[in-house]
N, C-alpha and C. Protein backbone atom coordinates (compact mmCIF):
# COMPACT_ATOMS: atom_id res chain seq x y z
N MET A 1 7.38 -23.89 16.38
CA MET A 1 7.16 -22.53 16.85
C MET A 1 8.02 -22.29 18.09
N MET A 2 8.81 -21.24 18.08
CA MET A 2 9.60 -20.85 19.23
C MET A 2 8.78 -19.89 20.08
N VAL A 3 8.72 -20.14 21.37
CA VAL A 3 8.02 -19.25 22.29
C VAL A 3 8.96 -18.93 23.45
N THR A 4 9.16 -17.65 23.71
CA THR A 4 9.87 -17.26 24.92
C THR A 4 8.90 -16.43 25.75
N SER A 5 8.93 -16.68 27.03
CA SER A 5 8.03 -15.96 27.93
C SER A 5 8.84 -15.46 29.11
N ASP A 6 8.77 -14.17 29.34
CA ASP A 6 9.44 -13.55 30.48
C ASP A 6 8.37 -12.86 31.31
N THR A 7 8.45 -13.01 32.61
CA THR A 7 7.45 -12.40 33.49
C THR A 7 8.14 -11.65 34.61
N ILE A 8 7.40 -10.68 35.16
CA ILE A 8 7.92 -9.91 36.29
C ILE A 8 6.74 -9.27 37.01
N ASP A 9 6.89 -9.07 38.29
CA ASP A 9 5.92 -8.30 39.08
C ASP A 9 6.54 -6.96 39.39
N ILE A 10 5.78 -5.90 39.15
CA ILE A 10 6.26 -4.54 39.34
C ILE A 10 5.39 -3.86 40.38
N GLY A 11 6.02 -3.25 41.36
CA GLY A 11 5.30 -2.55 42.43
C GLY A 11 4.87 -1.16 42.01
N ALA A 12 4.02 -1.10 41.00
CA ALA A 12 3.48 0.17 40.49
C ALA A 12 2.11 -0.12 39.88
N PRO A 13 1.23 0.87 39.86
CA PRO A 13 -0.11 0.66 39.28
C PRO A 13 -0.05 0.28 37.80
N ILE A 14 -1.04 -0.48 37.37
CA ILE A 14 -1.07 -0.99 36.00
C ILE A 14 -1.03 0.15 34.97
N GLU A 15 -1.65 1.28 35.25
CA GLU A 15 -1.65 2.39 34.30
C GLU A 15 -0.23 2.91 34.07
N ARG A 16 0.57 2.99 35.13
CA ARG A 16 1.96 3.47 35.02
C ARG A 16 2.81 2.46 34.25
N VAL A 17 2.59 1.18 34.52
CA VAL A 17 3.35 0.14 33.81
C VAL A 17 2.99 0.14 32.33
N PHE A 18 1.70 0.28 32.04
CA PHE A 18 1.26 0.32 30.64
C PHE A 18 1.88 1.52 29.93
N GLU A 19 1.88 2.68 30.56
CA GLU A 19 2.49 3.88 29.96
C GLU A 19 3.96 3.64 29.64
N ALA A 20 4.70 3.05 30.57
CA ALA A 20 6.13 2.79 30.35
C ALA A 20 6.34 1.77 29.23
N ALA A 21 5.49 0.74 29.17
CA ALA A 21 5.61 -0.28 28.13
C ALA A 21 5.31 0.31 26.75
N ALA A 22 4.36 1.22 26.68
CA ALA A 22 3.95 1.80 25.40
C ALA A 22 4.82 2.97 24.95
N ASP A 23 5.49 3.64 25.88
CA ASP A 23 6.29 4.82 25.56
C ASP A 23 7.71 4.42 25.17
N VAL A 24 7.82 3.66 24.08
CA VAL A 24 9.09 3.07 23.67
C VAL A 24 10.14 4.13 23.30
N GLU A 25 9.70 5.30 22.89
CA GLU A 25 10.66 6.34 22.53
C GLU A 25 11.50 6.78 23.73
N ARG A 26 11.00 6.58 24.93
CA ARG A 26 11.76 6.93 26.15
C ARG A 26 12.66 5.79 26.63
N TRP A 27 12.53 4.60 26.08
CA TRP A 27 13.30 3.47 26.57
C TRP A 27 14.80 3.72 26.62
N PRO A 28 15.42 4.33 25.61
CA PRO A 28 16.87 4.55 25.72
C PRO A 28 17.27 5.44 26.91
N GLU A 29 16.35 6.27 27.40
CA GLU A 29 16.63 7.11 28.57
C GLU A 29 16.63 6.28 29.86
N ILE A 30 15.79 5.26 29.92
CA ILE A 30 15.63 4.50 31.18
C ILE A 30 16.20 3.09 31.11
N LEU A 31 16.55 2.62 29.92
CA LEU A 31 17.07 1.27 29.75
C LEU A 31 18.44 1.35 29.08
N ALA A 32 19.48 1.07 29.85
CA ALA A 32 20.85 1.25 29.37
C ALA A 32 21.19 0.37 28.16
N HIS A 33 20.51 -0.76 27.98
CA HIS A 33 20.85 -1.65 26.88
C HIS A 33 20.20 -1.24 25.55
N TYR A 34 19.32 -0.26 25.56
CA TYR A 34 18.71 0.22 24.32
C TYR A 34 19.58 1.29 23.68
N ARG A 35 19.98 1.05 22.42
CA ARG A 35 20.81 1.99 21.68
C ARG A 35 19.97 3.13 21.13
N TRP A 36 18.82 2.79 20.54
CA TRP A 36 17.90 3.80 20.03
C TRP A 36 16.54 3.19 19.79
N VAL A 37 15.54 4.08 19.75
CA VAL A 37 14.18 3.74 19.33
C VAL A 37 13.72 4.91 18.47
N ARG A 38 13.29 4.61 17.26
CA ARG A 38 12.82 5.65 16.34
C ARG A 38 11.38 5.36 15.93
N MET A 39 10.54 6.34 16.15
CA MET A 39 9.15 6.22 15.69
C MET A 39 9.13 6.62 14.22
N LEU A 40 8.81 5.70 13.34
CA LEU A 40 8.84 5.96 11.91
C LEU A 40 7.48 6.39 11.38
N GLU A 41 6.41 5.90 12.01
CA GLU A 41 5.06 6.24 11.58
C GLU A 41 4.11 6.06 12.75
N ARG A 42 3.10 6.94 12.83
CA ARG A 42 2.09 6.84 13.89
C ARG A 42 0.74 7.10 13.27
N ARG A 43 -0.19 6.12 13.43
CA ARG A 43 -1.57 6.25 12.94
C ARG A 43 -2.50 5.70 14.01
N GLY A 44 -3.08 6.57 14.80
CA GLY A 44 -3.97 6.14 15.88
C GLY A 44 -3.22 5.28 16.87
N ASP A 45 -3.71 4.07 17.10
CA ASP A 45 -3.05 3.15 18.02
C ASP A 45 -2.00 2.27 17.33
N SER A 46 -1.77 2.50 16.05
CA SER A 46 -0.80 1.72 15.28
C SER A 46 0.44 2.57 15.00
N ARG A 47 1.59 1.94 15.11
CA ARG A 47 2.85 2.64 14.90
C ARG A 47 3.83 1.73 14.18
N THR A 48 4.82 2.33 13.54
CA THR A 48 5.96 1.60 13.03
C THR A 48 7.17 2.14 13.77
N VAL A 49 7.92 1.24 14.38
CA VAL A 49 9.01 1.64 15.25
C VAL A 49 10.26 0.83 14.91
N GLU A 50 11.40 1.50 14.94
CA GLU A 50 12.69 0.84 14.75
C GLU A 50 13.41 0.85 16.08
N MET A 51 13.92 -0.31 16.49
CA MET A 51 14.57 -0.43 17.79
C MET A 51 15.94 -1.08 17.63
N ALA A 52 16.84 -0.71 18.52
CA ALA A 52 18.17 -1.32 18.54
C ALA A 52 18.61 -1.44 19.99
N ALA A 53 19.19 -2.58 20.31
CA ALA A 53 19.64 -2.83 21.68
C ALA A 53 20.96 -3.56 21.66
N TRP A 54 21.64 -3.54 22.79
CA TRP A 54 22.86 -4.31 22.98
C TRP A 54 22.52 -5.60 23.70
N ARG A 55 23.12 -6.70 23.29
CA ARG A 55 23.03 -7.96 24.02
C ARG A 55 24.43 -8.25 24.54
N PRO A 56 24.65 -8.07 25.86
CA PRO A 56 26.00 -8.28 26.38
C PRO A 56 26.41 -9.75 26.41
N PHE A 57 27.68 -9.97 26.13
CA PHE A 57 28.33 -11.27 26.26
C PHE A 57 29.62 -11.03 27.03
N GLY A 58 29.53 -11.13 28.36
CA GLY A 58 30.70 -10.81 29.19
C GLY A 58 31.08 -9.36 28.97
N PRO A 59 32.34 -9.09 28.60
CA PRO A 59 32.76 -7.70 28.40
C PRO A 59 32.36 -7.11 27.05
N LEU A 60 31.79 -7.93 26.17
CA LEU A 60 31.44 -7.47 24.82
C LEU A 60 29.94 -7.24 24.68
N ASN A 61 29.57 -6.31 23.82
CA ASN A 61 28.17 -6.05 23.50
C ASN A 61 27.92 -6.38 22.04
N TRP A 62 26.88 -7.18 21.78
CA TRP A 62 26.50 -7.54 20.41
C TRP A 62 25.34 -6.63 20.01
N PRO A 63 25.47 -5.88 18.89
CA PRO A 63 24.38 -4.99 18.48
C PRO A 63 23.24 -5.76 17.82
N THR A 64 22.01 -5.45 18.20
CA THR A 64 20.82 -6.03 17.58
C THR A 64 19.95 -4.90 17.06
N TRP A 65 19.13 -5.21 16.08
CA TRP A 65 18.28 -4.21 15.44
C TRP A 65 17.06 -4.90 14.86
N TRP A 66 15.90 -4.22 14.90
CA TRP A 66 14.69 -4.73 14.28
C TRP A 66 13.71 -3.58 14.05
N ARG A 67 12.76 -3.81 13.16
CA ARG A 67 11.68 -2.87 12.89
C ARG A 67 10.37 -3.61 13.09
N SER A 68 9.41 -2.93 13.74
CA SER A 68 8.15 -3.58 14.09
C SER A 68 6.95 -2.69 13.80
N LYS A 69 5.83 -3.34 13.52
CA LYS A 69 4.53 -2.70 13.62
C LYS A 69 4.14 -2.84 15.08
N MET A 70 3.57 -1.81 15.64
CA MET A 70 3.25 -1.79 17.07
C MET A 70 1.81 -1.33 17.24
N TRP A 71 1.07 -2.02 18.11
CA TRP A 71 -0.31 -1.65 18.41
C TRP A 71 -0.45 -1.48 19.92
N VAL A 72 -1.10 -0.40 20.31
CA VAL A 72 -1.31 -0.10 21.72
C VAL A 72 -2.80 -0.21 22.01
N ASP A 73 -3.17 -1.02 23.00
CA ASP A 73 -4.56 -1.20 23.38
C ASP A 73 -4.74 -0.85 24.85
N PRO A 74 -5.05 0.44 25.13
CA PRO A 74 -5.20 0.87 26.53
C PRO A 74 -6.31 0.12 27.27
N GLY A 75 -7.39 -0.24 26.58
CA GLY A 75 -8.49 -0.94 27.23
C GLY A 75 -8.09 -2.31 27.78
N LYS A 76 -7.21 -3.00 27.08
CA LYS A 76 -6.75 -4.32 27.52
C LYS A 76 -5.40 -4.25 28.23
N HIS A 77 -4.82 -3.05 28.32
CA HIS A 77 -3.46 -2.89 28.87
C HIS A 77 -2.49 -3.82 28.15
N GLN A 78 -2.52 -3.76 26.81
CA GLN A 78 -1.64 -4.59 25.98
C GLN A 78 -0.87 -3.74 24.99
N VAL A 79 0.36 -4.16 24.75
CA VAL A 79 1.17 -3.61 23.67
C VAL A 79 1.59 -4.81 22.83
N ARG A 80 1.34 -4.72 21.52
CA ARG A 80 1.66 -5.82 20.60
C ARG A 80 2.62 -5.34 19.52
N TYR A 81 3.43 -6.27 19.05
CA TYR A 81 4.37 -6.00 17.97
C TYR A 81 4.33 -7.13 16.97
N LYS A 82 4.64 -6.79 15.72
CA LYS A 82 4.93 -7.76 14.68
C LYS A 82 6.23 -7.28 14.04
N HIS A 83 7.31 -8.06 14.23
CA HIS A 83 8.59 -7.67 13.64
C HIS A 83 8.48 -7.79 12.12
N VAL A 84 8.83 -6.71 11.42
CA VAL A 84 8.68 -6.69 9.96
C VAL A 84 10.00 -6.59 9.23
N GLN A 85 11.09 -6.26 9.94
CA GLN A 85 12.42 -6.25 9.36
C GLN A 85 13.43 -6.63 10.42
N GLY A 86 14.54 -7.18 9.96
CA GLY A 86 15.58 -7.65 10.87
C GLY A 86 15.57 -9.17 10.89
N ILE A 87 16.52 -9.75 11.60
CA ILE A 87 16.64 -11.22 11.63
C ILE A 87 15.41 -11.88 12.23
N THR A 88 14.67 -11.16 13.08
CA THR A 88 13.47 -11.74 13.73
C THR A 88 12.18 -11.37 13.00
N SER A 89 12.28 -11.03 11.73
CA SER A 89 11.10 -10.69 10.95
C SER A 89 10.05 -11.80 11.05
N GLY A 90 8.80 -11.41 11.31
CA GLY A 90 7.71 -12.36 11.48
C GLY A 90 7.40 -12.68 12.94
N MET A 91 8.23 -12.24 13.85
CA MET A 91 8.01 -12.52 15.28
C MET A 91 6.84 -11.71 15.80
N ASP A 92 5.99 -12.35 16.61
CA ASP A 92 4.89 -11.68 17.30
C ASP A 92 5.28 -11.51 18.76
N VAL A 93 4.97 -10.33 19.29
CA VAL A 93 5.30 -10.00 20.67
C VAL A 93 4.07 -9.40 21.33
N VAL A 94 3.81 -9.79 22.57
CA VAL A 94 2.71 -9.18 23.32
C VAL A 94 3.14 -8.94 24.76
N TRP A 95 2.86 -7.74 25.22
CA TRP A 95 2.98 -7.38 26.63
C TRP A 95 1.59 -7.51 27.21
N GLN A 96 1.40 -8.44 28.14
CA GLN A 96 0.11 -8.62 28.80
C GLN A 96 0.26 -8.18 30.25
N LEU A 97 -0.53 -7.22 30.66
CA LEU A 97 -0.45 -6.68 32.02
C LEU A 97 -1.71 -7.04 32.78
N SER A 98 -1.54 -7.38 34.05
CA SER A 98 -2.69 -7.65 34.91
C SER A 98 -2.40 -7.09 36.30
N PRO A 99 -3.44 -6.51 36.93
CA PRO A 99 -3.23 -5.93 38.26
C PRO A 99 -3.04 -7.01 39.31
N THR A 100 -2.24 -6.69 40.32
CA THR A 100 -2.04 -7.56 41.48
C THR A 100 -2.31 -6.71 42.72
N PRO A 101 -2.43 -7.33 43.89
CA PRO A 101 -2.65 -6.54 45.11
C PRO A 101 -1.53 -5.53 45.40
N THR A 102 -0.32 -5.82 44.91
CA THR A 102 0.82 -4.93 45.19
C THR A 102 1.32 -4.17 43.96
N GLY A 103 0.63 -4.29 42.82
CA GLY A 103 1.09 -3.59 41.63
C GLY A 103 0.60 -4.23 40.35
N THR A 104 1.55 -4.69 39.53
CA THR A 104 1.21 -5.20 38.20
C THR A 104 2.06 -6.42 37.86
N HIS A 105 1.42 -7.43 37.28
CA HIS A 105 2.13 -8.59 36.76
C HIS A 105 2.26 -8.40 35.25
N VAL A 106 3.46 -8.64 34.72
CA VAL A 106 3.72 -8.49 33.28
C VAL A 106 4.16 -9.82 32.70
N ASP A 107 3.48 -10.25 31.64
CA ASP A 107 3.90 -11.38 30.82
C ASP A 107 4.35 -10.80 29.49
N LEU A 108 5.58 -11.06 29.11
CA LEU A 108 6.12 -10.61 27.83
C LEU A 108 6.40 -11.86 27.01
N VAL A 109 5.59 -12.08 25.96
CA VAL A 109 5.65 -13.33 25.20
C VAL A 109 6.06 -13.04 23.76
N HIS A 110 7.06 -13.79 23.29
CA HIS A 110 7.53 -13.72 21.91
C HIS A 110 7.24 -15.07 21.25
N THR A 111 6.60 -15.06 20.08
CA THR A 111 6.38 -16.29 19.31
C THR A 111 6.91 -16.08 17.90
N TRP A 112 7.49 -17.17 17.34
CA TRP A 112 8.18 -17.02 16.06
C TRP A 112 8.42 -18.37 15.43
N HIS A 113 8.36 -18.42 14.11
CA HIS A 113 8.65 -19.65 13.38
C HIS A 113 10.14 -19.79 13.06
N GLY A 114 10.91 -18.77 13.33
CA GLY A 114 12.34 -18.81 13.08
C GLY A 114 12.72 -18.13 11.78
N PRO A 115 14.02 -18.02 11.55
CA PRO A 115 14.49 -17.34 10.34
C PRO A 115 14.27 -18.22 9.10
N PRO A 116 14.33 -17.63 7.93
CA PRO A 116 14.08 -18.39 6.69
C PRO A 116 15.31 -19.16 6.21
N TRP A 117 15.92 -19.92 7.11
CA TRP A 117 17.12 -20.71 6.78
C TRP A 117 16.74 -22.18 6.87
N PRO A 118 16.48 -22.85 5.77
CA PRO A 118 15.92 -24.20 5.78
C PRO A 118 16.59 -25.21 6.71
N LEU A 119 17.86 -25.38 6.65
CA LEU A 119 18.51 -26.44 7.41
C LEU A 119 18.74 -26.10 8.88
N ILE A 120 18.91 -24.83 9.17
CA ILE A 120 19.23 -24.46 10.56
C ILE A 120 18.16 -23.59 11.22
N ARG A 121 17.00 -23.52 10.61
CA ARG A 121 15.91 -22.69 11.13
C ARG A 121 15.58 -23.02 12.60
N TYR A 122 15.32 -24.29 12.88
CA TYR A 122 14.93 -24.70 14.23
C TYR A 122 16.06 -24.45 15.25
N PRO A 123 17.27 -24.95 15.01
CA PRO A 123 18.30 -24.70 16.02
C PRO A 123 18.63 -23.22 16.20
N ALA A 124 18.61 -22.46 15.11
CA ALA A 124 18.89 -21.02 15.23
C ALA A 124 17.86 -20.35 16.12
N ALA A 125 16.59 -20.66 15.90
CA ALA A 125 15.52 -20.02 16.68
C ALA A 125 15.47 -20.54 18.11
N HIS A 126 15.52 -21.84 18.29
CA HIS A 126 15.29 -22.46 19.60
C HIS A 126 16.51 -22.50 20.50
N TRP A 127 17.71 -22.52 19.92
CA TRP A 127 18.91 -22.67 20.73
C TRP A 127 19.72 -21.39 20.85
N VAL A 128 19.54 -20.46 19.91
CA VAL A 128 20.37 -19.24 19.94
C VAL A 128 19.51 -17.98 20.02
N ILE A 129 18.72 -17.70 19.00
CA ILE A 129 18.02 -16.42 18.91
C ILE A 129 17.01 -16.25 20.04
N GLY A 130 16.17 -17.27 20.29
CA GLY A 130 15.17 -17.17 21.35
C GLY A 130 15.77 -17.08 22.75
N PRO A 131 16.50 -18.12 23.18
CA PRO A 131 16.98 -18.10 24.56
C PRO A 131 18.13 -17.13 24.82
N VAL A 132 18.96 -16.87 23.83
CA VAL A 132 20.12 -16.01 24.06
C VAL A 132 19.80 -14.55 23.79
N PHE A 133 19.27 -14.24 22.60
CA PHE A 133 19.04 -12.85 22.25
C PHE A 133 17.70 -12.32 22.74
N VAL A 134 16.61 -12.99 22.38
CA VAL A 134 15.27 -12.49 22.75
C VAL A 134 15.12 -12.46 24.27
N HIS A 135 15.37 -13.59 24.92
CA HIS A 135 15.26 -13.63 26.38
C HIS A 135 16.26 -12.68 27.04
N GLY A 136 17.48 -12.63 26.51
CA GLY A 136 18.50 -11.76 27.09
C GLY A 136 18.10 -10.29 27.08
N ILE A 137 17.47 -9.85 26.02
CA ILE A 137 17.04 -8.45 25.93
C ILE A 137 15.73 -8.25 26.69
N ALA A 138 14.79 -9.18 26.56
CA ALA A 138 13.48 -9.03 27.22
C ALA A 138 13.61 -8.97 28.74
N CYS A 139 14.42 -9.84 29.33
CA CYS A 139 14.53 -9.82 30.79
C CYS A 139 15.21 -8.55 31.27
N ARG A 140 16.14 -8.00 30.51
CA ARG A 140 16.76 -6.72 30.88
C ARG A 140 15.74 -5.57 30.74
N THR A 141 14.91 -5.64 29.72
CA THR A 141 13.89 -4.62 29.52
C THR A 141 12.91 -4.62 30.69
N LEU A 142 12.41 -5.79 31.07
CA LEU A 142 11.46 -5.87 32.19
C LEU A 142 12.11 -5.41 33.49
N ALA A 143 13.32 -5.85 33.76
CA ALA A 143 14.01 -5.46 35.00
C ALA A 143 14.26 -3.96 35.03
N GLY A 144 14.61 -3.37 33.89
CA GLY A 144 14.86 -1.93 33.84
C GLY A 144 13.60 -1.11 34.03
N ILE A 145 12.50 -1.54 33.44
CA ILE A 145 11.23 -0.84 33.64
C ILE A 145 10.78 -0.98 35.09
N LYS A 146 10.96 -2.15 35.66
CA LYS A 146 10.62 -2.35 37.08
C LYS A 146 11.43 -1.39 37.96
N ARG A 147 12.74 -1.35 37.75
CA ARG A 147 13.61 -0.47 38.52
C ARG A 147 13.15 0.99 38.41
N HIS A 148 12.91 1.42 37.18
CA HIS A 148 12.50 2.80 36.91
C HIS A 148 11.18 3.14 37.61
N LEU A 149 10.17 2.29 37.42
CA LEU A 149 8.85 2.58 37.97
C LEU A 149 8.81 2.47 39.49
N GLU A 150 9.50 1.50 40.05
CA GLU A 150 9.48 1.36 41.51
C GLU A 150 10.24 2.50 42.17
N LEU A 151 11.27 3.01 41.52
CA LEU A 151 11.98 4.18 42.04
C LEU A 151 11.06 5.40 42.01
N LEU A 152 10.33 5.59 40.91
CA LEU A 152 9.38 6.70 40.82
C LEU A 152 8.27 6.53 41.85
N HIS A 153 7.80 5.30 42.03
CA HIS A 153 6.71 5.01 42.98
C HIS A 153 7.15 5.31 44.42
N GLU A 154 8.41 4.99 44.74
CA GLU A 154 8.94 5.28 46.07
C GLU A 154 8.99 6.78 46.34
N ARG A 155 9.35 7.55 45.31
CA ARG A 155 9.48 9.00 45.45
C ARG A 155 8.13 9.70 45.58
N ALA A 156 7.07 9.05 45.07
CA ALA A 156 5.74 9.68 45.07
C ALA A 156 5.11 9.71 46.44
């Protein structure tokens, strides 16, 4: 099982952080590495969303794409995903938020068994896809949301 975990502390109230984490349709406006986010279906707290982001490699950008089932749980301040299409199909993702004295702590955890490639499944997941692509995009997402929310918080 491949697990990547990215964490960040954001100087904004947990409700604001949860709103930003759940409002994925706005991500391309506030996160430069997101190419698009399309809401394909919405049923209560369950959604189907298609996302695409750039993973930079020096001066080059590598395009990534995936489709996920998404669940929003305001009571637990959690956003969950199950990737259902794309190279990371089967990946589980959870945004776990907890209040701190100065704002909000975010744990963004991805778990996955890897792609369905028998001989290279483990190295592909553990050496390339997880640490290079998943972590590369997740840490930019967290840093961008932090920047956005702390700027808004300063202005308030």
